Amino acid sequence: MILVNTDGIAGKEIEALGIVKGSTVQSRHLGKDIMSGLKTLVGGEITAYADMLNKARAMATKRMVQEAEALGADGVVCIRYSSSSVMQGSAEVIVYGTAVKIK
């Protein structure tokens, strides 16, 4: 499966099959939230949330790819990611793009 954030796949002629997407909502447990809150006092990267968002992006991407495969796609173009807070300590990550067949 070819995944790109461009309008096409370099050197390939493609046929659009439709929009595909994947999403997930992830949260950290209370203990990590408390430690992350303390980290804001001294500054620096909050690795618990960085890890959570990396895992969420990977899961959302996997779900998008599965949707594209169900359409018989060879790739997904124009991929975009978005995230938002659902509630304190949790976030939704969504990825979407256009499933394509290489001619």
PDB file of N, CA and C in Angstrom:
ATOM      1  N   MET A   1       0.858  -1.176   0.000  1.00  0.00           N
ATOM      2  CA  MET A   1       0.000   0.000   0.000  1.00  0.00           C
ATOM      3  C   MET A   1       0.898   1.231   0.000  1.00  0.00           C
ATOM      4  N   ILE A   2       0.721   2.101  -0.985  1.00  0.00           N
ATOM      5  CA  ILE A   2       1.484   3.347  -1.075  1.00  0.00           C
ATOM      6  C   ILE A   2       0.677   4.443  -0.372  1.00  0.00           C
ATOM      7  N   LEU A   3       1.309   5.128   0.567  1.00  0.00           N
ATOM      8  CA  LEU A   3       0.662   6.204   1.316  1.00  0.00           C
ATOM      9  C   LEU A   3       1.445   7.489   1.083  1.00  0.00           C
ATOM     10  N   VAL A   4       0.785   8.512   0.525  1.00  0.00           N
ATOM     11  CA  VAL A   4       1.455   9.790   0.274  1.00  0.00           C
ATOM     12  C   VAL A   4       0.519  10.944   0.630  1.00  0.00           C
ATOM     13  N   ASN A   5       1.133  12.100   0.930  1.00  0.00           N
ATOM     14  CA  ASN A   5       0.309  13.273   1.218  1.00  0.00           C
ATOM     15  C   ASN A   5       0.242  14.207   0.016  1.00  0.00           C
ATOM     16  N   THR A   6       0.681  13.744  -1.142  1.00  0.00           N
ATOM     17  CA  THR A   6       0.611  14.518  -2.382  1.00  0.00           C
ATOM     18  C   THR A   6      -0.663  14.157  -3.145  1.00  0.00           C
ATOM     19  N   ASP A   7      -0.933  14.918  -4.211  1.00  0.00           N
ATOM     20  CA  ASP A   7      -2.145  14.698  -5.007  1.00  0.00           C
ATOM     21  C   ASP A   7      -2.084  13.447  -5.872  1.00  0.00           C
ATOM     22  N   GLY A   8      -0.903  12.920  -6.069  1.00  0.00           N
ATOM     23  CA  GLY A   8      -0.752  11.745  -6.911  1.00  0.00           C
ATOM     24  C   GLY A   8       0.462  10.954  -6.485  1.00  0.00           C
ATOM     25  N   ILE A   9       0.743   9.897  -7.253  1.00  0.00           N
ATOM     26  CA  ILE A   9       1.919   9.065  -7.011  1.00  0.00           C
ATOM     27  C   ILE A   9       2.853   9.307  -8.179  1.00  0.00           C
ATOM     28  N   ALA A  10       4.041   9.796  -7.883  1.00  0.00           N
ATOM     29  CA  ALA A  10       4.994  10.189  -8.921  1.00  0.00           C
ATOM     30  C   ALA A  10       5.194   9.090  -9.965  1.00  0.00           C
ATOM     31  N   GLY A  11       5.006   9.474 -11.231  1.00  0.00           N
ATOM     32  CA  GLY A  11       5.224   8.556 -12.335  1.00  0.00           C
ATOM     33  C   GLY A  11       4.132   7.536 -12.556  1.00  0.00           C
ATOM     34  N   LYS A  12       3.028   7.646 -11.844  1.00  0.00           N
ATOM     35  CA  LYS A  12       1.935   6.666 -11.962  1.00  0.00           C
ATOM     36  C   LYS A  12       0.636   7.353 -12.346  1.00  0.00           C
ATOM     37  N   GLU A  13      -0.140   6.666 -13.147  1.00  0.00           N
ATOM     38  CA  GLU A  13      -1.491   7.133 -13.456  1.00  0.00           C
ATOM     39  C   GLU A  13      -2.421   6.434 -12.471  1.00  0.00           C
ATOM     40  N   ILE A  14      -3.298   7.205 -11.851  1.00  0.00           N
ATOM     41  CA  ILE A  14      -4.158   6.638 -10.812  1.00  0.00           C
ATOM     42  C   ILE A  14      -5.632   6.895 -11.102  1.00  0.00           C
ATOM     43  N   GLU A  15      -6.455   6.068 -10.522  1.00  0.00           N
ATOM     44  CA  GLU A  15      -7.916   6.210 -10.589  1.00  0.00           C
ATOM     45  C   GLU A  15      -8.424   6.315  -9.158  1.00  0.00           C
ATOM     46  N   ALA A  16      -9.175   7.369  -8.857  1.00  0.00           N
ATOM     47  CA  ALA A  16      -9.719   7.567  -7.514  1.00  0.00           C
ATOM     48  C   ALA A  16     -10.846   6.576  -7.252  1.00  0.00           C
ATOM     49  N   LEU A  17     -10.822   5.951  -6.080  1.00  0.00           N
ATOM     50  CA  LEU A  17     -11.859   4.996  -5.695  1.00  0.00           C
ATOM     51  C   LEU A  17     -12.812   5.554  -4.650  1.00  0.00           C
ATOM     52  N   GLY A  18     -12.352   6.529  -3.879  1.00  0.00           N
ATOM     53  CA  GLY A  18     -13.206   7.124  -2.861  1.00  0.00           C
ATOM     54  C   GLY A  18     -12.421   7.533  -1.632  1.00  0.00           C
ATOM     55  N   ILE A  19     -13.086   8.243  -0.754  1.00  0.00           N
ATOM     56  CA  ILE A  19     -12.465   8.718   0.480  1.00  0.00           C
ATOM     57  C   ILE A  19     -12.424   7.577   1.489  1.00  0.00           C
ATOM     58  N   VAL A  20     -11.295   7.464   2.169  1.00  0.00           N
ATOM     59  CA  VAL A  20     -11.137   6.482   3.236  1.00  0.00           C
ATOM     60  C   VAL A  20     -10.637   7.209   4.481  1.00  0.00           C
ATOM     61  N   LYS A  21     -10.940   6.623   5.645  1.00  0.00           N
ATOM     62  CA  LYS A  21     -10.510   7.269   6.885  1.00  0.00           C
ATOM     63  C   LYS A  21     -10.324   6.216   7.956  1.00  0.00           C
ATOM     64  N   GLY A  22      -9.623   6.641   8.995  1.00  0.00           N
ATOM     65  CA  GLY A  22      -9.444   5.802  10.174  1.00  0.00           C
ATOM     66  C   GLY A  22      -9.372   6.721  11.371  1.00  0.00           C
ATOM     67  N   SER A  23      -9.858   6.271  12.501  1.00  0.00           N
ATOM     68  CA  SER A  23      -9.803   7.117  13.694  1.00  0.00           C
ATOM     69  C   SER A  23      -9.721   6.251  14.940  1.00  0.00           C
ATOM     70  N   THR A  24      -9.294   6.891  16.016  1.00  0.00           N
ATOM     71  CA  THR A  24      -9.249   6.239  17.320  1.00  0.00           C
ATOM     72  C   THR A  24      -9.280   7.315  18.393  1.00  0.00           C
ATOM     73  N   VAL A  25      -9.746   6.943  19.563  1.00  0.00           N
ATOM     74  CA  VAL A  25      -9.696   7.826  20.730  1.00  0.00           C
ATOM     75  C   VAL A  25      -8.865   7.090  21.767  1.00  0.00           C
ATOM     76  N   GLN A  26      -7.835   7.757  22.258  1.00  0.00           N
ATOM     77  CA  GLN A  26      -6.913   7.159  23.211  1.00  0.00           C
ATOM     78  C   GLN A  26      -6.873   7.999  24.481  1.00  0.00           C
ATOM     79  N   SER A  27      -6.564   7.350  25.594  1.00  0.00           N
ATOM     80  CA  SER A  27      -6.398   8.088  26.847  1.00  0.00           C
ATOM     81  C   SER A  27      -5.265   7.469  27.650  1.00  0.00           C
ATOM     82  N   ARG A  28      -4.726   8.238  28.568  1.00  0.00           N
ATOM     83  CA  ARG A  28      -3.694   7.768  29.489  1.00  0.00           C
ATOM     84  C   ARG A  28      -4.357   7.483  30.823  1.00  0.00           C
ATOM     85  N   HIS A  29      -3.744   6.656  31.636  1.00  0.00           N
ATOM     86  CA  HIS A  29      -4.328   6.374  32.952  1.00  0.00           C
ATOM     87  C   HIS A  29      -3.983   7.491  33.930  1.00  0.00           C
ATOM     88  N   LEU A  30      -4.723   7.548  34.997  1.00  0.00           N
ATOM     89  CA  LEU A  30      -4.643   8.643  35.966  1.00  0.00           C
ATOM     90  C   LEU A  30      -3.230   8.881  36.495  1.00  0.00           C
ATOM     91  N   GLY A  31      -2.501   7.835  36.785  1.00  0.00           N
ATOM     92  CA  GLY A  31      -1.141   7.984  37.312  1.00  0.00           C
ATOM     93  C   GLY A  31      -0.238   8.737  36.349  1.00  0.00           C
ATOM     94  N   LYS A  32      -0.336   8.415  35.072  1.00  0.00           N
ATOM     95  CA  LYS A  32       0.476   9.109  34.069  1.00  0.00           C
ATOM     96  C   LYS A  32       0.003  10.554  33.917  1.00  0.00           C
ATOM     97  N   ASP A  33      -1.307  10.803  34.053  1.00  0.00           N
ATOM     98  CA  ASP A  33      -1.824  12.176  33.977  1.00  0.00           C
ATOM     99  C   ASP A  33      -1.250  13.034  35.104  1.00  0.00           C
ATOM    100  N   ILE A  34      -1.167  12.475  36.298  1.00  0.00           N
ATOM    101  CA  ILE A  34      -0.621  13.224  37.439  1.00  0.00           C
ATOM    102  C   ILE A  34       0.848  13.545  37.186  1.00  0.00           C
ATOM    103  N   MET A  35       1.615  12.560  36.733  1.00  0.00           N
ATOM    104  CA  MET A  35       3.043  12.780  36.460  1.00  0.00           C
ATOM    105  C   MET A  35       3.224  13.789  35.328  1.00  0.00           C
ATOM    106  N   SER A  36       2.369  13.735  34.309  1.00  0.00           N
ATOM    107  CA  SER A  36       2.454  14.682  33.200  1.00  0.00           C
ATOM    108  C   SER A  36       2.127  16.086  33.678  1.00  0.00           C
ATOM    109  N   GLY A  37       1.165  16.211  34.594  1.00  0.00           N
ATOM    110  CA  GLY A  37       0.815  17.511  35.160  1.00  0.00           C
ATOM    111  C   GLY A  37       1.983  18.115  35.913  1.00  0.00           C
ATOM    112  N   LEU A  38       2.707  17.288  36.639  1.00  0.00           N
ATOM    113  CA  LEU A  38       3.890  17.768  37.358  1.00  0.00           C
ATOM    114  C   LEU A  38       4.986  18.185  36.376  1.00  0.00           C
ATOM    115  N   LYS A  39       5.067  17.507  35.239  1.00  0.00           N
ATOM    116  CA  LYS A  39       6.079  17.842  34.231  1.00  0.00           C
ATOM    117  C   LYS A  39       5.855  19.245  33.674  1.00  0.00           C
ATOM    118  N   THR A  40       4.618  19.708  33.642  1.00  0.00           N
ATOM    119  CA  THR A  40       4.351  21.053  33.114  1.00  0.00           C
ATOM    120  C   THR A  40       4.956  22.137  34.000  1.00  0.00           C
ATOM    121  N   LEU A  41       5.244  21.805  35.256  1.00  0.00           N
ATOM    122  CA  LEU A  41       5.856  22.779  36.162  1.00  0.00           C
ATOM    123  C   LEU A  41       7.313  23.053  35.806  1.00  0.00           C
ATOM    124  N   VAL A  42       8.011  22.042  35.299  1.00  0.00           N
ATOM    125  CA  VAL A  42       9.435  22.203  34.998  1.00  0.00           C
ATOM    126  C   VAL A  42       9.716  22.292  33.502  1.00  0.00           C
ATOM    127  N   GLY A  43       8.746  21.996  32.688  1.00  0.00           N
ATOM    128  CA  GLY A  43       8.912  22.079  31.233  1.00  0.00           C
ATOM    129  C   GLY A  43       9.506  20.807  30.648  1.00  0.00           C
ATOM    130  N   GLY A  44       9.541  20.764  29.336  1.00  0.00           N
ATOM    131  CA  GLY A  44      10.096  19.608  28.635  1.00  0.00           C
ATOM    132  C   GLY A  44       9.004  18.786  27.971  1.00  0.00           C
ATOM    133  N   GLU A  45       9.449  17.769  27.272  1.00  0.00           N
ATOM    134  CA  GLU A  45       8.524  16.907  26.541  1.00  0.00           C
ATOM    135  C   GLU A  45       7.750  16.017  27.502  1.00  0.00           C
ATOM    136  N   ILE A  46       6.474  15.898  27.255  1.00  0.00           N
ATOM    137  CA  ILE A  46       5.629  15.002  28.044  1.00  0.00           C
ATOM    138  C   ILE A  46       5.531  13.699  27.252  1.00  0.00           C
ATOM    139  N   THR A  47       6.456  12.803  27.529  1.00  0.00           N
ATOM    140  CA  THR A  47       6.606  11.602  26.713  1.00  0.00           C
ATOM    141  C   THR A  47       5.386  10.678  26.770  1.00  0.00           C
ATOM    142  N   ALA A  48       4.671  10.659  27.887  1.00  0.00           N
ATOM    143  CA  ALA A  48       3.487   9.796  27.980  1.00  0.00           C
ATOM    144  C   ALA A  48       2.458  10.185  26.919  1.00  0.00           C
ATOM    145  N   TYR A  49       2.263  11.477  26.721  1.00  0.00           N
ATOM    146  CA  TYR A  49       1.304  11.930  25.705  1.00  0.00           C
ATOM    147  C   TYR A  49       1.864  11.790  24.297  1.00  0.00           C
ATOM    148  N   ALA A  50       3.155  12.020  24.128  1.00  0.00           N
ATOM    149  CA  ALA A  50       3.780  11.835  22.817  1.00  0.00           C
ATOM    150  C   ALA A  50       3.637  10.385  22.371  1.00  0.00           C
ATOM    151  N   ASP A  51       3.901   9.454  23.279  1.00  0.00           N
ATOM    152  CA  ASP A  51       3.745   8.031  22.972  1.00  0.00           C
ATOM    153  C   ASP A  51       2.299   7.687  22.658  1.00  0.00           C
ATOM    154  N   MET A  52       1.370   8.235  23.441  1.00  0.00           N
ATOM    155  CA  MET A  52      -0.045   7.976  23.222  1.00  0.00           C
ATOM    156  C   MET A  52      -0.461   8.429  21.819  1.00  0.00           C
ATOM    157  N   LEU A  53      -0.028   9.629  21.422  1.00  0.00           N
ATOM    158  CA  LEU A  53      -0.420  10.152  20.117  1.00  0.00           C
ATOM    159  C   LEU A  53       0.253   9.383  18.975  1.00  0.00           C
ATOM    160  N   ASN A  54       1.494   8.956  19.159  1.00  0.00           N
ATOM    161  CA  ASN A  54       2.154   8.138  18.135  1.00  0.00           C
ATOM    162  C   ASN A  54       1.416   6.823  17.926  1.00  0.00           C
ATOM    163  N   LYS A  55       1.018   6.181  19.021  1.00  0.00           N
ATOM    164  CA  LYS A  55       0.258   4.929  18.911  1.00  0.00           C
ATOM    165  C   LYS A  55      -1.108   5.171  18.276  1.00  0.00           C
ATOM    166  N   ALA A  56      -1.746   6.279  18.622  1.00  0.00           N
ATOM    167  CA  ALA A  56      -3.056   6.603  18.052  1.00  0.00           C
ATOM    168  C   ALA A  56      -2.948   6.851  16.547  1.00  0.00           C
ATOM    169  N   ARG A  57      -1.909   7.573  16.111  1.00  0.00           N
ATOM    170  CA  ARG A  57      -1.715   7.807  14.668  1.00  0.00           C
ATOM    171  C   ARG A  57      -1.500   6.493  13.931  1.00  0.00           C
ATOM    172  N   ALA A  58      -0.700   5.602  14.513  1.00  0.00           N
ATOM    173  CA  ALA A  58      -0.446   4.308  13.882  1.00  0.00           C
ATOM    174  C   ALA A  58      -1.729   3.486  13.771  1.00  0.00           C
ATOM    175  N   MET A  59      -2.537   3.484  14.824  1.00  0.00           N
ATOM    176  CA  MET A  59      -3.788   2.725  14.808  1.00  0.00           C
ATOM    177  C   MET A  59      -4.769   3.309  13.791  1.00  0.00           C
ATOM    178  N   ALA A  60      -4.891   4.634  13.757  1.00  0.00           N
ATOM    179  CA  ALA A  60      -5.794   5.281  12.805  1.00  0.00           C
ATOM    180  C   ALA A  60      -5.345   5.004  11.373  1.00  0.00           C
ATOM    181  N   THR A  61      -4.039   5.056  11.130  1.00  0.00           N
ATOM    182  CA  THR A  61      -3.507   4.780   9.786  1.00  0.00           C
ATOM    183  C   THR A  61      -3.811   3.345   9.382  1.00  0.00           C
ATOM    184  N   LYS A  62      -3.625   2.407  10.301  1.00  0.00           N
ATOM    185  CA  LYS A  62      -3.924   0.993  10.015  1.00  0.00           C
ATOM    186  C   LYS A  62      -5.390   0.821   9.628  1.00  0.00           C
ATOM    187  N   ARG A  63      -6.280   1.497  10.334  1.00  0.00           N
ATOM    188  CA  ARG A  63      -7.715   1.389  10.027  1.00  0.00           C
ATOM    189  C   ARG A  63      -8.036   1.997   8.668  1.00  0.00           C
ATOM    190  N   MET A  64      -7.361   3.108   8.321  1.00  0.00           N
ATOM    191  CA  MET A  64      -7.573   3.716   7.007  1.00  0.00           C
ATOM    192  C   MET A  64      -7.094   2.772   5.905  1.00  0.00           C
ATOM    193  N   VAL A  65      -5.926   2.164   6.096  1.00  0.00           N
ATOM    194  CA  VAL A  65      -5.384   1.225   5.111  1.00  0.00           C
ATOM    195  C   VAL A  65      -6.326   0.039   4.928  1.00  0.00           C
ATOM    196  N   GLN A  66      -6.883  -0.471   6.011  1.00  0.00           N
ATOM    197  CA  GLN A  66      -7.835  -1.591   5.910  1.00  0.00           C
ATOM    198  C   GLN A  66      -9.054  -1.198   5.085  1.00  0.00           C
ATOM    199  N   GLU A  67      -9.528   0.030   5.279  1.00  0.00           N
ATOM    200  CA  GLU A  67     -10.675   0.517   4.507  1.00  0.00           C
ATOM    201  C   GLU A  67     -10.307   0.627   3.026  1.00  0.00           C
ATOM    202  N   ALA A  68      -9.095   1.100   2.747  1.00  0.00           N
ATOM    203  CA  ALA A  68      -8.631   1.226   1.359  1.00  0.00           C
ATOM    204  C   ALA A  68      -8.476  -0.150   0.716  1.00  0.00           C
ATOM    205  N   GLU A  69      -7.926  -1.100   1.462  1.00  0.00           N
ATOM    206  CA  GLU A  69      -7.770  -2.460   0.934  1.00  0.00           C
ATOM    207  C   GLU A  69      -9.110  -3.081   0.592  1.00  0.00           C
ATOM    208  N   ALA A  70     -10.131  -2.790   1.393  1.00  0.00           N
ATOM    209  CA  ALA A  70     -11.477  -3.317   1.130  1.00  0.00           C
ATOM    210  C   ALA A  70     -12.039  -2.792  -0.191  1.00  0.00           C
ATOM    211  N   LEU A  71     -11.559  -1.612  -0.623  1.00  0.00           N
ATOM    212  CA  LEU A  71     -11.984  -1.050  -1.906  1.00  0.00           C
ATOM    213  C   LEU A  71     -11.120  -1.554  -3.067  1.00  0.00           C
ATOM    214  N   GLY A  72     -10.079  -2.320  -2.767  1.00  0.00           N
ATOM    215  CA  GLY A  72      -9.167  -2.809  -3.790  1.00  0.00           C
ATOM    216  C   GLY A  72      -8.108  -1.788  -4.188  1.00  0.00           C
ATOM    217  N   ALA A  73      -7.811  -0.854  -3.294  1.00  0.00           N
ATOM    218  CA  ALA A  73      -6.859   0.217  -3.587  1.00  0.00           C
ATOM    219  C   ALA A  73      -5.415  -0.272  -3.530  1.00  0.00           C
ATOM    220  N   ASP A  74      -4.573   0.408  -4.313  1.00  0.00           N
ATOM    221  CA  ASP A  74      -3.127   0.178  -4.281  1.00  0.00           C
ATOM    222  C   ASP A  74      -2.435   1.234  -3.439  1.00  0.00           C
ATOM    223  N   GLY A  75      -3.147   2.337  -3.154  1.00  0.00           N
ATOM    224  CA  GLY A  75      -2.545   3.417  -2.392  1.00  0.00           C
ATOM    225  C   GLY A  75      -3.586   4.392  -1.890  1.00  0.00           C
ATOM    226  N   VAL A  76      -3.121   5.343  -1.088  1.00  0.00           N
ATOM    227  CA  VAL A  76      -3.966   6.426  -0.599  1.00  0.00           C
ATOM    228  C   VAL A  76      -3.181   7.717  -0.801  1.00  0.00           C
ATOM    229  N   VAL A  77      -3.798   8.683  -1.467  1.00  0.00           N
ATOM    230  CA  VAL A  77      -3.163   9.974  -1.727  1.00  0.00           C
ATOM    231  C   VAL A  77      -3.862  11.066  -0.920  1.00  0.00           C
ATOM    232  N   CYS A  78      -3.223  12.212  -0.841  1.00  0.00           N
ATOM    233  CA  CYS A  78      -3.776  13.377  -0.126  1.00  0.00           C
ATOM    234  C   CYS A  78      -4.074  13.061   1.342  1.00  0.00           C
ATOM    235  N   ILE A  79      -3.197  12.303   1.985  1.00  0.00           N
ATOM    236  CA  ILE A  79      -3.414  11.917   3.380  1.00  0.00           C
ATOM    237  C   ILE A  79      -3.271  13.134   4.289  1.00  0.00           C
ATOM    238  N   ARG A  80      -4.203  13.263   5.220  1.00  0.00           N
ATOM    239  CA  ARG A  80      -4.176  14.336   6.212  1.00  0.00           C
ATOM    240  C   ARG A  80      -4.493  13.750   7.577  1.00  0.00           C
ATOM    241  N   TYR A  81      -3.815  14.267   8.591  1.00  0.00           N
ATOM    242  CA  TYR A  81      -4.056  13.879   9.983  1.00  0.00           C
ATOM    243  C   TYR A  81      -4.664  15.049  10.737  1.00  0.00           C
ATOM    244  N   SER A  82      -5.502  14.734  11.694  1.00  0.00           N
ATOM    245  CA  SER A  82      -6.082  15.752  12.565  1.00  0.00           C
ATOM    246  C   SER A  82      -6.255  15.125  13.947  1.00  0.00           C
ATOM    247  N   SER A  83      -6.154  15.959  14.967  1.00  0.00           N
ATOM    248  CA  SER A  83      -6.407  15.456  16.312  1.00  0.00           C
ATOM    249  C   SER A  83      -7.162  16.501  17.107  1.00  0.00           C
ATOM    250  N   SER A  84      -7.870  16.023  18.098  1.00  0.00           N
ATOM    251  CA  SER A  84      -8.616  16.931  18.966  1.00  0.00           C
ATOM    252  C   SER A  84      -8.770  16.284  20.326  1.00  0.00           C
ATOM    253  N   SER A  85      -8.955  17.113  21.321  1.00  0.00           N
ATOM    254  CA  SER A  85      -9.174  16.642  22.676  1.00  0.00           C
ATOM    255  C   SER A  85     -10.648  16.275  22.824  1.00  0.00           C
ATOM    256  N   VAL A  86     -10.914  15.097  23.331  1.00  0.00           N
ATOM    257  CA  VAL A  86     -12.289  14.651  23.547  1.00  0.00           C
ATOM    258  C   VAL A  86     -12.713  14.994  24.974  1.00  0.00           C
ATOM    259  N   MET A  87     -11.783  14.789  25.899  1.00  0.00           N
ATOM    260  CA  MET A  87     -11.953  15.135  27.303  1.00  0.00           C
ATOM    261  C   MET A  87     -10.549  15.214  27.895  1.00  0.00           C
ATOM    262  N   GLN A  88     -10.422  15.700  29.093  1.00  0.00           N
ATOM    263  CA  GLN A  88      -9.098  15.835  29.680  1.00  0.00           C
ATOM    264  C   GLN A  88      -8.396  14.477  29.725  1.00  0.00           C
ATOM    265  N   GLY A  89      -7.191  14.433  29.165  1.00  0.00           N
ATOM    266  CA  GLY A  89      -6.414  13.199  29.190  1.00  0.00           C
ATOM    267  C   GLY A  89      -6.687  12.259  28.047  1.00  0.00           C
ATOM    268  N   SER A  90      -7.532  12.638  27.092  1.00  0.00           N
ATOM    269  CA  SER A  90      -7.781  11.777  25.945  1.00  0.00           C
ATOM    270  C   SER A  90      -7.838  12.607  24.674  1.00  0.00           C
ATOM    271  N   ALA A  91      -7.530  11.941  23.573  1.00  0.00           N
ATOM    272  CA  ALA A  91      -7.508  12.638  22.293  1.00  0.00           C
ATOM    273  C   ALA A  91      -8.004  11.714  21.191  1.00  0.00           C
ATOM    274  N   GLU A  92      -8.662  12.316  20.211  1.00  0.00           N
ATOM    275  CA  GLU A  92      -9.056  11.605  19.009  1.00  0.00           C
ATOM    276  C   GLU A  92      -8.046  11.927  17.933  1.00  0.00           C
ATOM    277  N   VAL A  93      -7.639  10.921  17.189  1.00  0.00           N
ATOM    278  CA  VAL A  93      -6.793  11.120  16.021  1.00  0.00           C
ATOM    279  C   VAL A  93      -7.550  10.550  14.839  1.00  0.00           C
ATOM    280  N   ILE A  94      -7.638  11.331  13.775  1.00  0.00           N
ATOM    281  CA  ILE A  94      -8.285  10.873  12.546  1.00  0.00           C
ATOM    282  C   ILE A  94      -7.319  11.109  11.388  1.00  0.00           C
ATOM    283  N   VAL A  95      -7.313  10.180  10.469  1.00  0.00           N
ATOM    284  CA  VAL A  95      -6.534  10.289   9.247  1.00  0.00           C
ATOM    285  C   VAL A  95      -7.482   9.982   8.083  1.00  0.00           C
ATOM    286  N   TYR A  96      -7.320  10.737   7.004  1.00  0.00           N
ATOM    287  CA  TYR A  96      -8.184  10.514   5.852  1.00  0.00           C
ATOM    288  C   TYR A  96      -7.428  10.801   4.571  1.00  0.00           C
ATOM    289  N   GLY A  97      -7.923  10.269   3.477  1.00  0.00           N
ATOM    290  CA  GLY A  97      -7.310  10.492   2.180  1.00  0.00           C
ATOM    291  C   GLY A  97      -8.182   9.873   1.095  1.00  0.00           C
ATOM    292  N   THR A  98      -7.648   9.844  -0.112  1.00  0.00           N
ATOM    293  CA  THR A  98      -8.365   9.291  -1.252  1.00  0.00           C
ATOM    294  C   THR A  98      -7.727   7.973  -1.650  1.00  0.00           C
ATOM    295  N   ALA A  99      -8.508   6.904  -1.612  1.00  0.00           N
ATOM    296  CA  ALA A  99      -8.029   5.588  -2.047  1.00  0.00           C
ATOM    297  C   ALA A  99      -7.914   5.593  -3.559  1.00  0.00           C
ATOM    298  N   VAL A 100      -6.812   5.038  -4.082  1.00  0.00           N
ATOM    299  CA  VAL A 100      -6.584   5.032  -5.531  1.00  0.00           C
ATOM    300  C   VAL A 100      -6.143   3.662  -6.015  1.00  0.00           C
ATOM    301  N   LYS A 101      -6.414   3.415  -7.272  1.00  0.00           N
ATOM    302  CA  LYS A 101      -5.946   2.225  -7.967  1.00  0.00           C
ATOM    303  C   LYS A 101      -4.927   2.692  -8.995  1.00  0.00           C
ATOM    304  N   ILE A 102      -3.761   2.061  -9.040  1.00  0.00           N
ATOM    305  CA  ILE A 102      -2.753   2.404 -10.036  1.00  0.00           C
ATOM    306  C   ILE A 102      -3.111   1.700 -11.334  1.00  0.00           C
ATOM    307  N   LYS A 103      -3.135   2.479 -12.418  1.00  0.00           N
ATOM    308  CA  LYS A 103      -3.501   1.917 -13.731  1.00  0.00           C
ATOM    309  C   LYS A 103      -2.301   1.290 -14.398  1.00  0.00           C
TER     310      LYS A 103
END
